[in-house]
Amino acid sequence: MKLARVLGTVVSTIKHPAFDHRTLLYCDVLTPAGDPDGQRIIAVDHVQAGVGDTVLILDEGNGARQILGPTAQPVRAVIVGIVDEVELVR
């Protein structure tokens, strides 16, 4: 799982049928402290996240396909949660 902030949506007129009726979000991966770590990822939104939301991304193809069903074969990353707060215990 990765922690990320949604930067925007990805729009495509031609895409694999597995992405029909699914929203793709462009996300900035974060460190546990909430700072950008330099990675960006496009993920399928499964929880109706919006721009500016902090989200949890499952970035593993097999797990993503299990969430979305067997027809979503080319999917690698799925947003599976919206994060309200991160508490670090030291």
PDB file of N, CA and C in Angstrom:
ATOM      1  N   MET A   1       0.836  -1.173   0.000  1.00  0.00           N
ATOM      2  CA  MET A   1       0.000   0.000   0.000  1.00  0.00           C
ATOM      3  C   MET A   1       0.882   1.238   0.000  1.00  0.00           C
ATOM      4  N   LYS A   2       0.362   2.265  -0.659  1.00  0.00           N
ATOM      5  CA  LYS A   2       1.052   3.546  -0.710  1.00  0.00           C
ATOM      6  C   LYS A   2       0.101   4.643  -0.261  1.00  0.00           C
ATOM      7  N   LEU A   3       0.653   5.632   0.396  1.00  0.00           N
ATOM      8  CA  LEU A   3      -0.079   6.819   0.775  1.00  0.00           C
ATOM      9  C   LEU A   3       0.146   7.848  -0.323  1.00  0.00           C
ATOM     10  N   ALA A   4      -0.911   8.535  -0.775  1.00  0.00           N
ATOM     11  CA  ALA A   4      -0.758   9.477  -1.883  1.00  0.00           C
ATOM     12  C   ALA A   4      -1.787  10.594  -1.779  1.00  0.00           C
ATOM     13  N   ARG A   5      -1.519  11.687  -2.509  1.00  0.00           N
ATOM     14  CA  ARG A   5      -2.468  12.795  -2.616  1.00  0.00           C
ATOM     15  C   ARG A   5      -2.921  12.892  -4.068  1.00  0.00           C
ATOM     16  N   VAL A   6      -4.214  13.016  -4.258  1.00  0.00           N
ATOM     17  CA  VAL A   6      -4.776  13.107  -5.604  1.00  0.00           C
ATOM     18  C   VAL A   6      -4.491  14.496  -6.174  1.00  0.00           C
ATOM     19  N   LEU A   7      -3.834  14.522  -7.343  1.00  0.00           N
ATOM     20  CA  LEU A   7      -3.500  15.778  -8.013  1.00  0.00           C
ATOM     21  C   LEU A   7      -4.518  16.159  -9.081  1.00  0.00           C
ATOM     22  N   GLY A   8      -5.135  15.162  -9.710  1.00  0.00           N
ATOM     23  CA  GLY A   8      -6.086  15.447 -10.777  1.00  0.00           C
ATOM     24  C   GLY A   8      -6.608  14.181 -11.407  1.00  0.00           C
ATOM     25  N   THR A   9      -7.425  14.363 -12.438  1.00  0.00           N
ATOM     26  CA  THR A   9      -7.989  13.228 -13.160  1.00  0.00           C
ATOM     27  C   THR A   9      -7.255  13.027 -14.474  1.00  0.00           C
ATOM     28  N   VAL A  10      -7.329  11.815 -14.978  1.00  0.00           N
ATOM     29  CA  VAL A  10      -6.733  11.468 -16.269  1.00  0.00           C
ATOM     30  C   VAL A  10      -7.898  11.202 -17.228  1.00  0.00           C
ATOM     31  N   VAL A  11      -7.887  11.894 -18.367  1.00  0.00           N
ATOM     32  CA  VAL A  11      -8.955  11.744 -19.358  1.00  0.00           C
ATOM     33  C   VAL A  11      -8.366  11.112 -20.605  1.00  0.00           C
ATOM     34  N   SER A  12      -9.052  10.097 -21.117  1.00  0.00           N
ATOM     35  CA  SER A  12      -8.594   9.400 -22.313  1.00  0.00           C
ATOM     36  C   SER A  12      -9.795   9.061 -23.182  1.00  0.00           C
ATOM     37  N   THR A  13      -9.702   9.371 -24.455  1.00  0.00           N
ATOM     38  CA  THR A  13     -10.810   9.052 -25.348  1.00  0.00           C
ATOM     39  C   THR A  13     -10.741   7.624 -25.860  1.00  0.00           C
ATOM     40  N   ILE A  14      -9.539   7.076 -25.919  1.00  0.00           N
ATOM     41  CA  ILE A  14      -9.362   5.690 -26.358  1.00  0.00           C
ATOM     42  C   ILE A  14      -8.649   4.947 -25.239  1.00  0.00           C
ATOM     43  N   LYS A  15      -9.258   3.867 -24.770  1.00  0.00           N
ATOM     44  CA  LYS A  15      -8.682   3.117 -23.662  1.00  0.00           C
ATOM     45  C   LYS A  15      -9.153   1.667 -23.713  1.00  0.00           C
ATOM     46  N   HIS A  16      -8.492   0.838 -22.935  1.00  0.00           N
ATOM     47  CA  HIS A  16      -8.880  -0.564 -22.818  1.00  0.00           C
ATOM     48  C   HIS A  16     -10.292  -0.632 -22.228  1.00  0.00           C
ATOM     49  N   PRO A  17     -11.115  -1.568 -22.673  1.00  0.00           N
ATOM     50  CA  PRO A  17     -12.480  -1.685 -22.156  1.00  0.00           C
ATOM     51  C   PRO A  17     -12.560  -1.878 -20.639  1.00  0.00           C
ATOM     52  N   ALA A  18     -11.510  -2.387 -20.018  1.00  0.00           N
ATOM     53  CA  ALA A  18     -11.522  -2.569 -18.563  1.00  0.00           C
ATOM     54  C   ALA A  18     -11.634  -1.237 -17.830  1.00  0.00           C
ATOM     55  N   PHE A  19     -11.286  -0.127 -18.499  1.00  0.00           N
ATOM     56  CA  PHE A  19     -11.344   1.185 -17.867  1.00  0.00           C
ATOM     57  C   PHE A  19     -12.641   1.931 -18.162  1.00  0.00           C
ATOM     58  N   ASP A  20     -13.536   1.331 -18.946  1.00  0.00           N
ATOM     59  CA  ASP A  20     -14.824   1.966 -19.220  1.00  0.00           C
ATOM     60  C   ASP A  20     -15.580   2.185 -17.911  1.00  0.00           C
ATOM     61  N   HIS A  21     -16.131   3.375 -17.748  1.00  0.00           N
ATOM     62  CA  HIS A  21     -16.923   3.745 -16.577  1.00  0.00           C
ATOM     63  C   HIS A  21     -16.109   3.733 -15.287  1.00  0.00           C
ATOM     64  N   ARG A  22     -14.792   3.901 -15.396  1.00  0.00           N
ATOM     65  CA  ARG A  22     -13.921   3.992 -14.217  1.00  0.00           C
ATOM     66  C   ARG A  22     -13.159   5.304 -14.286  1.00  0.00           C
ATOM     67  N   THR A  23     -12.963   5.924 -13.137  1.00  0.00           N
ATOM     68  CA  THR A  23     -12.212   7.169 -13.065  1.00  0.00           C
ATOM     69  C   THR A  23     -10.748   6.866 -12.789  1.00  0.00           C
ATOM     70  N   LEU A  24      -9.869   7.498 -13.560  1.00  0.00           N
ATOM     71  CA  LEU A  24      -8.433   7.376 -13.339  1.00  0.00           C
ATOM     72  C   LEU A  24      -7.945   8.656 -12.674  1.00  0.00           C
ATOM     73  N   LEU A  25      -7.204   8.509 -11.584  1.00  0.00           N
ATOM     74  CA  LEU A  25      -6.705   9.667 -10.854  1.00  0.00           C
ATOM     75  C   LEU A  25      -5.182   9.681 -10.854  1.00  0.00           C
ATOM     76  N   TYR A  26      -4.628  10.880 -11.025  1.00  0.00           N
ATOM     77  CA  TYR A  26      -3.184  11.104 -11.033  1.00  0.00           C
ATOM     78  C   TYR A  26      -2.784  11.488  -9.612  1.00  0.00           C
ATOM     79  N   CYS A  27      -1.887  10.715  -9.013  1.00  0.00           N
ATOM     80  CA  CYS A  27      -1.579  10.864  -7.588  1.00  0.00           C
ATOM     81  C   CYS A  27      -0.092  11.069  -7.343  1.00  0.00           C
ATOM     82  N   ASP A  28       0.201  11.842  -6.300  1.00  0.00           N
ATOM     83  CA  ASP A  28       1.552  12.108  -5.834  1.00  0.00           C
ATOM     84  C   ASP A  28       1.786  11.230  -4.607  1.00  0.00           C
ATOM     85  N   VAL A  29       2.709  10.282  -4.686  1.00  0.00           N
ATOM     86  CA  VAL A  29       2.984   9.376  -3.576  1.00  0.00           C
ATOM     87  C   VAL A  29       3.642  10.163  -2.446  1.00  0.00           C
ATOM     88  N   LEU A  30       3.218   9.862  -1.195  1.00  0.00           N
ATOM     89  CA  LEU A  30       3.690  10.582  -0.022  1.00  0.00           C
ATOM     90  C   LEU A  30       4.501   9.688   0.909  1.00  0.00           C
ATOM     91  N   THR A  31       5.364  10.317   1.696  1.00  0.00           N
ATOM     92  CA  THR A  31       6.048   9.625   2.786  1.00  0.00           C
ATOM     93  C   THR A  31       5.056   9.497   3.943  1.00  0.00           C
ATOM     94  N   PRO A  32       5.353   8.679   4.962  1.00  0.00           N
ATOM     95  CA  PRO A  32       4.448   8.601   6.114  1.00  0.00           C
ATOM     96  C   PRO A  32       4.237   9.950   6.805  1.00  0.00           C
ATOM     97  N   ALA A  33       5.206  10.863   6.671  1.00  0.00           N
ATOM     98  CA  ALA A  33       5.070  12.195   7.273  1.00  0.00           C
ATOM     99  C   ALA A  33       4.197  13.121   6.431  1.00  0.00           C
ATOM    100  N   GLY A  34       3.798  12.684   5.233  1.00  0.00           N
ATOM    101  CA  GLY A  34       2.918  13.478   4.377  1.00  0.00           C
ATOM    102  C   GLY A  34       3.626  14.318   3.345  1.00  0.00           C
ATOM    103  N   ASP A  35       4.935  14.124   3.179  1.00  0.00           N
ATOM    104  CA  ASP A  35       5.700  14.873   2.183  1.00  0.00           C
ATOM    105  C   ASP A  35       5.784  14.084   0.883  1.00  0.00           C
ATOM    106  N   PRO A  36       5.753  14.767  -0.272  1.00  0.00           N
ATOM    107  CA  PRO A  36       5.900  14.051  -1.554  1.00  0.00           C
ATOM    108  C   PRO A  36       7.243  13.327  -1.613  1.00  0.00           C
ATOM    109  N   ASP A  37       7.231  12.091  -2.109  1.00  0.00           N
ATOM    110  CA  ASP A  37       8.498  11.343  -2.211  1.00  0.00           C
ATOM    111  C   ASP A  37       9.062  11.333  -3.632  1.00  0.00           C
ATOM    112  N   GLY A  38       8.397  12.035  -4.560  1.00  0.00           N
ATOM    113  CA  GLY A  38       8.906  12.137  -5.921  1.00  0.00           C
ATOM    114  C   GLY A  38       8.284  11.174  -6.910  1.00  0.00           C
ATOM    115  N   GLN A  39       7.513  10.213  -6.441  1.00  0.00           N
ATOM    116  CA  GLN A  39       6.852   9.262  -7.334  1.00  0.00           C
ATOM    117  C   GLN A  39       5.455   9.770  -7.673  1.00  0.00           C
ATOM    118  N   ARG A  40       5.023   9.491  -8.891  1.00  0.00           N
ATOM    119  CA  ARG A  40       3.645   9.789  -9.311  1.00  0.00           C
ATOM    120  C   ARG A  40       3.055   8.492  -9.849  1.00  0.00           C
ATOM    121  N   ILE A  41       1.756   8.339  -9.683  1.00  0.00           N
ATOM    122  CA  ILE A  41       1.110   7.100 -10.115  1.00  0.00           C
ATOM    123  C   ILE A  41      -0.313   7.413 -10.596  1.00  0.00           C
ATOM    124  N   ILE A  42      -0.753   6.672 -11.604  1.00  0.00           N
ATOM    125  CA  ILE A  42      -2.135   6.745 -12.067  1.00  0.00           C
ATOM    126  C   ILE A  42      -2.845   5.526 -11.508  1.00  0.00           C
ATOM    127  N   ALA A  43      -3.972   5.762 -10.821  1.00  0.00           N
ATOM    128  CA  ALA A  43      -4.684   4.661 -10.178  1.00  0.00           C
ATOM    129  C   ALA A  43      -6.170   4.737 -10.509  1.00  0.00           C
ATOM    130  N   VAL A  44      -6.807   3.583 -10.544  1.00  0.00           N
ATOM    131  CA  VAL A  44      -8.257   3.492 -10.729  1.00  0.00           C
ATOM    132  C   VAL A  44      -8.911   3.844  -9.395  1.00  0.00           C
ATOM    133  N   ASP A  45      -9.873   4.767  -9.437  1.00  0.00           N
ATOM    134  CA  ASP A  45     -10.576   5.178  -8.225  1.00  0.00           C
ATOM    135  C   ASP A  45     -11.693   4.192  -7.915  1.00  0.00           C
ATOM    136  N   HIS A  46     -11.641   3.603  -6.718  1.00  0.00           N
ATOM    137  CA  HIS A  46     -12.663   2.642  -6.307  1.00  0.00           C
ATOM    138  C   HIS A  46     -13.502   3.188  -5.151  1.00  0.00           C
ATOM    139  N   VAL A  47     -13.162   4.401  -4.661  1.00  0.00           N
ATOM    140  CA  VAL A  47     -13.821   4.928  -3.466  1.00  0.00           C
ATOM    141  C   VAL A  47     -14.357   6.353  -3.653  1.00  0.00           C
ATOM    142  N   GLN A  48     -14.404   6.847  -4.874  1.00  0.00           N
ATOM    143  CA  GLN A  48     -14.897   8.180  -5.199  1.00  0.00           C
ATOM    144  C   GLN A  48     -14.084   9.280  -4.516  1.00  0.00           C
ATOM    145  N   ALA A  49     -12.764   9.176  -4.622  1.00  0.00           N
ATOM    146  CA  ALA A  49     -11.863  10.197  -4.097  1.00  0.00           C
ATOM    147  C   ALA A  49     -11.886  11.411  -5.018  1.00  0.00           C
ATOM    148  N   GLY A  50     -11.425  12.534  -4.494  1.00  0.00           N
ATOM    149  CA  GLY A  50     -11.394  13.757  -5.289  1.00  0.00           C
ATOM    150  C   GLY A  50     -10.041  14.432  -5.212  1.00  0.00           C
ATOM    151  N   VAL A  51      -9.861  15.446  -6.027  1.00  0.00           N
ATOM    152  CA  VAL A  51      -8.612  16.191  -6.046  1.00  0.00           C
ATOM    153  C   VAL A  51      -8.348  16.772  -4.659  1.00  0.00           C
ATOM    154  N   GLY A  52      -7.120  16.585  -4.177  1.00  0.00           N
ATOM    155  CA  GLY A  52      -6.724  17.068  -2.858  1.00  0.00           C
ATOM    156  C   GLY A  52      -6.858  16.033  -1.760  1.00  0.00           C
ATOM    157  N   ASP A  53      -7.591  14.958  -2.002  1.00  0.00           N
ATOM    158  CA  ASP A  53      -7.747  13.913  -0.984  1.00  0.00           C
ATOM    159  C   ASP A  53      -6.454  13.145  -0.790  1.00  0.00           C
ATOM    160  N   THR A  54      -6.209  12.739   0.437  1.00  0.00           N
ATOM    161  CA  THR A  54      -5.128  11.807   0.744  1.00  0.00           C
ATOM    162  C   THR A  54      -5.739  10.411   0.681  1.00  0.00           C
ATOM    163  N   VAL A  55      -5.097   9.513  -0.051  1.00  0.00           N
ATOM    164  CA  VAL A  55      -5.684   8.204  -0.319  1.00  0.00           C
ATOM    165  C   VAL A  55      -4.686   7.076  -0.063  1.00  0.00           C
ATOM    166  N   LEU A  56      -5.217   5.868   0.064  1.00  0.00           N
ATOM    167  CA  LEU A  56      -4.419   4.647   0.109  1.00  0.00           C
ATOM    168  C   LEU A  56      -4.515   3.981  -1.251  1.00  0.00           C
ATOM    169  N   ILE A  57      -3.368   3.647  -1.815  1.00  0.00           N
ATOM    170  CA  ILE A  57      -3.328   2.998  -3.124  1.00  0.00           C
ATOM    171  C   ILE A  57      -2.769   1.600  -2.974  1.00  0.00           C
ATOM    172  N   LEU A  58      -3.501   0.635  -3.470  1.00  0.00           N
ATOM    173  CA  LEU A  58      -3.003  -0.732  -3.577  1.00  0.00           C
ATOM    174  C   LEU A  58      -2.287  -0.810  -4.912  1.00  0.00           C
ATOM    175  N   ASP A  59      -0.965  -0.924  -4.858  1.00  0.00           N
ATOM    176  CA  ASP A  59      -0.139  -0.891  -6.074  1.00  0.00           C
ATOM    177  C   ASP A  59       0.452  -2.275  -6.328  1.00  0.00           C
ATOM    178  N   GLU A  60      -0.423  -3.198  -6.643  1.00  0.00           N
ATOM    179  CA  GLU A  60      -0.012  -4.577  -6.898  1.00  0.00           C
ATOM    180  C   GLU A  60      -1.091  -5.191  -7.777  1.00  0.00           C
ATOM    181  N   GLY A  61      -0.724  -5.605  -8.951  1.00  0.00           N
ATOM    182  CA  GLY A  61      -1.679  -6.026  -9.968  1.00  0.00           C
ATOM    183  C   GLY A  61      -2.669  -7.084  -9.559  1.00  0.00           C
ATOM    184  N   ASN A  62      -2.224  -8.150  -8.919  1.00  0.00           N
ATOM    185  CA  ASN A  62      -3.126  -9.237  -8.570  1.00  0.00           C
ATOM    186  C   ASN A  62      -4.175  -8.778  -7.565  1.00  0.00           C
ATOM    187  N   GLY A  63      -3.764  -8.032  -6.552  1.00  0.00           N
ATOM    188  CA  GLY A  63      -4.714  -7.515  -5.571  1.00  0.00           C
ATOM    189  C   GLY A  63      -5.702  -6.557  -6.201  1.00  0.00           C
ATOM    190  N   ALA A  64      -5.217  -5.724  -7.124  1.00  0.00           N
ATOM    191  CA  ALA A  64      -6.097  -4.779  -7.817  1.00  0.00           C
ATOM    192  C   ALA A  64      -7.149  -5.526  -8.624  1.00  0.00           C
ATOM    193  N   ARG A  65      -6.752  -6.559  -9.296  1.00  0.00           N
ATOM    194  CA  ARG A  65      -7.710  -7.343 -10.088  1.00  0.00           C
ATOM    195  C   ARG A  65      -8.723  -8.056  -9.195  1.00  0.00           C
ATOM    196  N   GLN A  66      -8.311  -8.456  -8.000  1.00  0.00           N
ATOM    197  CA  GLN A  66      -9.253  -9.097  -7.085  1.00  0.00           C
ATOM    198  C   GLN A  66     -10.318  -8.114  -6.616  1.00  0.00           C
ATOM    199  N   ILE A  67      -9.941  -6.855  -6.445  1.00  0.00           N
ATOM    200  CA  ILE A  67     -10.905  -5.842  -6.020  1.00  0.00           C
ATOM    201  C   ILE A  67     -11.859  -5.487  -7.151  1.00  0.00           C
ATOM    202  N   LEU A  68     -11.333  -5.299  -8.352  1.00  0.00           N
ATOM    203  CA  LEU A  68     -12.138  -4.831  -9.477  1.00  0.00           C
ATOM    204  C   LEU A  68     -12.817  -5.948 -10.257  1.00  0.00           C
ATOM    205  N   GLY A  69     -12.411  -7.168 -10.044  1.00  0.00           N
ATOM    206  CA  GLY A  69     -13.008  -8.280 -10.767  1.00  0.00           C
ATOM    207  C   GLY A  69     -12.099  -8.766 -11.878  1.00  0.00           C
ATOM    208  N   PRO A  70     -12.357  -9.943 -12.399  1.00  0.00           N
ATOM    209  CA  PRO A  70     -11.466 -10.569 -13.369  1.00  0.00           C
ATOM    210  C   PRO A  70     -11.418  -9.883 -14.729  1.00  0.00           C
ATOM    211  N   THR A  71     -12.372  -9.002 -15.038  1.00  0.00           N
ATOM    212  CA  THR A  71     -12.352  -8.365 -16.357  1.00  0.00           C
ATOM    213  C   THR A  71     -11.387  -7.187 -16.414  1.00  0.00           C
ATOM    214  N   ALA A  72     -10.895  -6.722 -15.287  1.00  0.00           N
ATOM    215  CA  ALA A  72     -10.001  -5.558 -15.242  1.00  0.00           C
ATOM    216  C   ALA A  72      -8.541  -5.995 -15.320  1.00  0.00           C
ATOM    217  N   GLN A  73      -8.182  -6.704 -16.358  1.00  0.00           N
ATOM    218  CA  GLN A  73      -6.877  -7.333 -16.447  1.00  0.00           C
ATOM    219  C   GLN A  73      -5.677  -6.395 -16.502  1.00  0.00           C
ATOM    220  N   PRO A  74      -5.712  -5.240 -17.196  1.00  0.00           N
ATOM    221  CA  PRO A  74      -4.501  -4.428 -17.262  1.00  0.00           C
ATOM    222  C   PRO A  74      -4.322  -3.475 -16.073  1.00  0.00           C
ATOM    223  N   VAL A  75      -5.119  -3.600 -15.020  1.00  0.00           N
ATOM    224  CA  VAL A  75      -5.060  -2.685 -13.885  1.00  0.00           C
ATOM    225  C   VAL A  75      -3.975  -3.111 -12.911  1.00  0.00           C
ATOM    226  N   ARG A  76      -3.164  -2.144 -12.483  1.00  0.00           N
ATOM    227  CA  ARG A  76      -2.121  -2.407 -11.497  1.00  0.00           C
ATOM    228  C   ARG A  76      -2.400  -1.704 -10.172  1.00  0.00           C
ATOM    229  N   ALA A  77      -2.881  -0.453 -10.216  1.00  0.00           N
ATOM    230  CA  ALA A  77      -3.048   0.348  -9.005  1.00  0.00           C
ATOM    231  C   ALA A  77      -4.503   0.772  -8.834  1.00  0.00           C
ATOM    232  N   VAL A  78      -5.005   0.625  -7.596  1.00  0.00           N
ATOM    233  CA  VAL A  78      -6.387   0.969  -7.282  1.00  0.00           C
ATOM    234  C   VAL A  78      -6.404   1.781  -5.988  1.00  0.00           C
ATOM    235  N   ILE A  79      -7.176   2.855  -5.984  1.00  0.00           N
ATOM    236  CA  ILE A  79      -7.376   3.615  -4.754  1.00  0.00           C
ATOM    237  C   ILE A  79      -8.423   2.871  -3.936  1.00  0.00           C
ATOM    238  N   VAL A  80      -8.035   2.445  -2.726  1.00  0.00           N
ATOM    239  CA  VAL A  80      -8.910   1.612  -1.908  1.00  0.00           C
ATOM    240  C   VAL A  80      -9.385   2.302  -0.633  1.00  0.00           C
ATOM    241  N   GLY A  81      -8.928   3.519  -0.376  1.00  0.00           N
ATOM    242  CA  GLY A  81      -9.377   4.214   0.826  1.00  0.00           C
ATOM    243  C   GLY A  81      -9.035   5.691   0.792  1.00  0.00           C
ATOM    244  N   ILE A  82      -9.851   6.480   1.488  1.00  0.00           N
ATOM    245  CA  ILE A  82      -9.578   7.900   1.679  1.00  0.00           C
ATOM    246  C   ILE A  82      -9.116   8.061   3.123  1.00  0.00           C
ATOM    247  N   VAL A  83      -7.967   8.709   3.300  1.00  0.00           N
ATOM    248  CA  VAL A  83      -7.335   8.827   4.611  1.00  0.00           C
ATOM    249  C   VAL A  83      -7.781  10.124   5.281  1.00  0.00           C
ATOM    250  N   ASP A  84      -8.293  10.008   6.505  1.00  0.00           N
ATOM    251  CA  ASP A  84      -8.667  11.191   7.272  1.00  0.00           C
ATOM    252  C   ASP A  84      -7.477  11.763   8.039  1.00  0.00           C
ATOM    253  N   GLU A  85      -6.642  10.878   8.578  1.00  0.00           N
ATOM    254  CA  GLU A  85      -5.536  11.337   9.412  1.00  0.00           C
ATOM    255  C   GLU A  85      -4.480  10.251   9.474  1.00  0.00           C
ATOM    256  N   VAL A  86      -3.215  10.689   9.560  1.00  0.00           N
ATOM    257  CA  VAL A  86      -2.095   9.768   9.756  1.00  0.00           C
ATOM    258  C   VAL A  86      -1.430  10.144  11.076  1.00  0.00           C
ATOM    259  N   GLU A  87      -1.302   9.177  11.956  1.00  0.00           N
ATOM    260  CA  GLU A  87      -0.669   9.419  13.252  1.00  0.00           C
ATOM    261  C   GLU A  87       0.592   8.572  13.336  1.00  0.00           C
ATOM    262  N   LEU A  88       1.731   9.229  13.475  1.00  0.00           N
ATOM    263  CA  LEU A  88       3.003   8.536  13.595  1.00  0.00           C
ATOM    264  C   LEU A  88       3.380   8.422  15.065  1.00  0.00           C
ATOM    265  N   VAL A  89       3.666   7.217  15.516  1.00  0.00           N
ATOM    266  CA  VAL A  89       4.097   6.979  16.890  1.00  0.00           C
ATOM    267  C   VAL A  89       5.580   6.721  16.879  1.00  0.00           C
ATOM    268  N   ARG A  90       6.308   7.482  17.666  1.00  0.00           N
ATOM    269  CA  ARG A  90       7.773   7.329  17.692  1.00  0.00           C
ATOM    270  C   ARG A  90       8.244   6.887  19.042  1.00  0.00           C
TER     271      ARG A  90
END
